[in-house]
Each structure stands twice: as structure tokens, then as C-alpha cells.
């Protein structure tokens, strides 16, 4: 199968167009859009249909092997933390330390910490009642409080596993999860700070006040729980994964302590421990409640997994077209380096709205281009994933579901959302990219 660069480029563009149009305009589930894109590209480059199906299955299976358990367990951890009220306990503790005068800072920090295991949309919904209550008590503009919370959540959602976009990109590119978490946090902190300061600056003119109604989510009321019990399910898995990542493990010669951390530092084991700790912090569990909670977690993760799997299938099809060789011979990719994955992900996110779909699609395209981009060692691959995460922040607007979650639960108008939140995501993405370049000087 020999194809010209123009032919491959045209059908790559057609495949991306299919994904964008179906997900953004027709609201088709991303799984079907990515699956159809596999056939558009495969048939376009004259792959036999049987080969397209076989290649797509292999790509789907490979990504499931890498991420299946991690996504399910990460989702379960987030669901349990929501149900037990641990997220509210963390929020109240942070607020107590910062004081009501600094309530926007408290919301930003809360979003950052609770966003580590919880998806940004779920985290915002869970904390929206507390956010509205604080807004009424402090008299601060809704835009300042809401966007401070929203950007804190978004900063980690785009950059750090076990969130699906970052996890899928790490698996596709071949990046260690623990190191990605640690370096990702370093990059996410300035992004979150940027979102907070822009919210404080641009949102102060907004006169919208909080409604008298708070959004109550089942199971999210604050329960009697020690602060340490609320934080441990988040902190312990991150510490275990990070420790393993920075250990040099030679199984045959390693001490028992290193072997121990090699086991508990595996993301699957570490997240399982986090789930167990979170469950132990809850009130008395009964069979029905526990069963329903874990069932909901599996159902929620299922929708994410099929998107990630379809992204892996799309990546396998692209790899079969030898797209890396075509691009490396036709374009000066070596001079672009980390900028190329950032720009590609940014375009995909802005066009179709989903950060997860954008980074999964971009990582499938970028993976075969890594040698041409000069991103072949462990460090540059990690920075590549972070640059795609930065691109997936830009820019959230009316085609992004999270945009509407914020608008709905805060009561902000479209004009305010675009001026405060959308611009904040633009600045966050640019600052994150700048941080990636700064980190590259030292890492």
C-alpha cells in the first residue's frame, strides 16, 4: 500500500472533519465519530476493509489493556468521594484556612485538589451549592467565584491522570503516569492561578448575585468526617504512584521495600487503595447503597472507555498509513517540536468542544510523528503530553459541555461566560504551554 503525502493528508483532514462535524454539529457520540473516521481514513488510503477492522480492533484492545482498570478505578474514587461528602469537607477546610475574605482563592484551591480524582463537570456540580452559599455570604460577584472554581477544576482535568484525556495520551505516547502526575501538577498550578486572577479581574464587573436556591446533589451533603479522612484518598494514591516512578527497580536485586513500592505504586493498585480508603471514611454502608454506587461508577466509566478505545483504534489506523514518514519528509516538523502537538490539540478542542476527544485524537496523530518532531526520549514525550494538555484547555465556549454546566449552575449569561470563562481558558492554555517550555529547560 503506497500513498502520496497529499492523499494521506487529505483523508486525515477528512477524518478529523468527520469527528468535528459529528460531535459538534450533530451531537453524535464521540465513539461513533471516531469509528467512522477510522473507515474514512482507511478506505481513503486504500486499506482493505478487513485490514481496517483488524487494525482498529488491535488499537482498541491495546489502549484498553493500558487504561481500562485505571479509568474505572479513578471514576469509582471520584464517585465515592462525591457520595461521602469528602469533597465538601475539603472545601470547608480550605475555606477555614483562607477565610471568607479570600473565598475565590478557596474555591480555586478546592477545585484544584478535588479535581485530581473527580471530573471537572462532576466536581463543579457537587461544589456548586457551597459556591453559591459562599457567594451570598461574601457578596462577591458570581462570575468571580464560579470561574475561580471552574478553572481550578479544569487545570488538572486537562493535564493529569487519571483523567481520561491525559491518561489516554500517556498510554499512546508511552509516558510514565507517576512522573506525568508530578510534572503535570507543576504545570497546572500556574494555569489555575491564571484562571483565578483573570476571574477576579474580568468578573468584578459582573453584578449577577447568587440565587436563594442551592443545587443539592444526592449524597453530597457534608457528613461528619475528619479532614484527614477526606484528603487521604486523594493524596495516598498520588504519593504511591510518584514514589514508584522515581525508583530504579531491578526486581531480581531490589530490596523488599523497593519491591513493595513497585507493587503499591502501580496505578491500578494505588487507585484501588484510594477507593478502599474513601469507602472506609463513609458512614455505615449497606449492600444496596454500596452496590448502586459502584454500579454508577462502572456505568460512568463505560462511556469514557469506549471513547478512549475508539481513539486508540483511530490511532492504529493512522499509524498503518505511515503518516509519520509522510509528514517528516514533507514538513519541517523538527523545528516545531512541542508547538505542533499544542496547536493541533488547540484546533481540535476549539472546533469540537471536548478536551478529552481533542487530546485523544491529537495523541493518535502525534504518536507516529514523534521522531520527526524530535521528541523521542522519555522527557520530551512527557512534555509532549503536557503540551497537548495545554492545547486542550483552549478554548472552552458554546460547543463545550462543561461551559454549559458552569453557566447552568451559576446562572451566568452567555456574554459573561465568554468574557470571563472562555478568555480564562485561553490564557490558561498559553501559560501552561509557557510552563512546559520552562520545565523543558530543567527536566
Foldseek 3Di string as FASTA:
>chain_A
DDDALVLLVVLLVVLLVQQLCCCQPVVDASLVSLLVSLVSNCVSRPHPPVVLVVLLVVLLVLLCVQQVLLLLLLLLLLLLLQQQQLLVLQLVVLCVVVDLVVLLQSLLVSLQQSLQSHQLLVSLLLCLQVLQVSCVVNVAFLQLNLQLNSQSNLLCLLQAPPNQLLSLLCSLQVAQRLVSHVLSVVLSVVLSVLLNVLSVVLVRPHNDHRDPDGRDDHNNDHDDFDNCLSNVLRPQLSVLLNVLVPDDDDPVPDDPVNVVSVVCNPSSNSSVVSSVSSVVRHDDDDPVVVVVSSVVSNVVSVSSSSSSSSLSSSLSSSVVNLSQVNCLVPDQLLVCALVVLLVQLLVSCVSQPALRNSSSNSSSNCNSNCVSNVQDDNLSSSLSSQSSSLSSLQFHADNHPSLVSSCVSSVDDRVSSCRRNRVSSVVSSVSSNVSSVVVVVPD
